[in-house]
């Protein structure tokens, strides 16, 4: 079976039958569901010295919009995929890309909900979950991320030095992609769910994939996260010890006094000390694994 045929078998038909990308531009600003934004703490990284802005990534059924930032004139910059929360590639994610670009990376945040809808325009988190994220197939996401890596390589970035990091929903995807792509060097998952409902869109979760991890993952979690029970984090640590070589090289770091979304500097959940420490741990993880 060729790769496209195999992918067709994995992805629910309705996701690719509707050949319309509902999101074709990222616009500006923060997602409506995150308002009001804590402007006094939100980090703002200027684009001076960077090649930063929207791009279009060719994918199986059209073009997916994404945000890309890298140093101007950079040649063979290492690639970091930046995976959003449920809110899509809004300003916080774009700023994260610029922060990474200032450090020499080609950082790309694809709008992975482009076919399902624009979460940035929906005011309610439950509505985003019901209308968009719950209808976004994991297999579609894996395919779109592969296409993003291929685009970066075609533009001259060094896809042999490839990492992924993601927040909340994107943290879960980070674990999944680390089990999917054998070319990946490292992953850093910020408070991504480890278990969940199994269905046609989400057939496996990170805790099911420790035997399949192809790149070591650093998991950054909050001890006060009410949405990710500590027992699931502890169980994941146990599974990593008996998983693949990459799983055994993975680590989980727990911030005892941090809630969910402690890196999200534009939300009340932000914890400056833990966020800064996690950022440094992420960079050290990338460097340790050759990214």
Foldseek 3Di string as FASTA:
>chain_A
DDPVVVLCVQAPPVLQVQLDFQDDAQDADFAQQQPPWPVVFQDADDQVQKDWDWDWFDADRGTWIKIKIAGPPDAQFEEEEEEEALQFCYDSSSRVRSVVRVVGHTYMYTRQQRSQHHSSHDRHPVCSCVRTPVNRALSSVLRVVVRVLVVCVVVRYNSLLYEYEYAACRLFNQLVNQLVDLSHQEYEREAYAADDDDDSRDNDTNLVRLQRGNYAYEYEEELAAPVHDPVSVVSLLVSLCVHHPNSVVHYYDYHDHAYGPCLRRGHPSHDPVSNVVSVVVVVVRSVVRPD
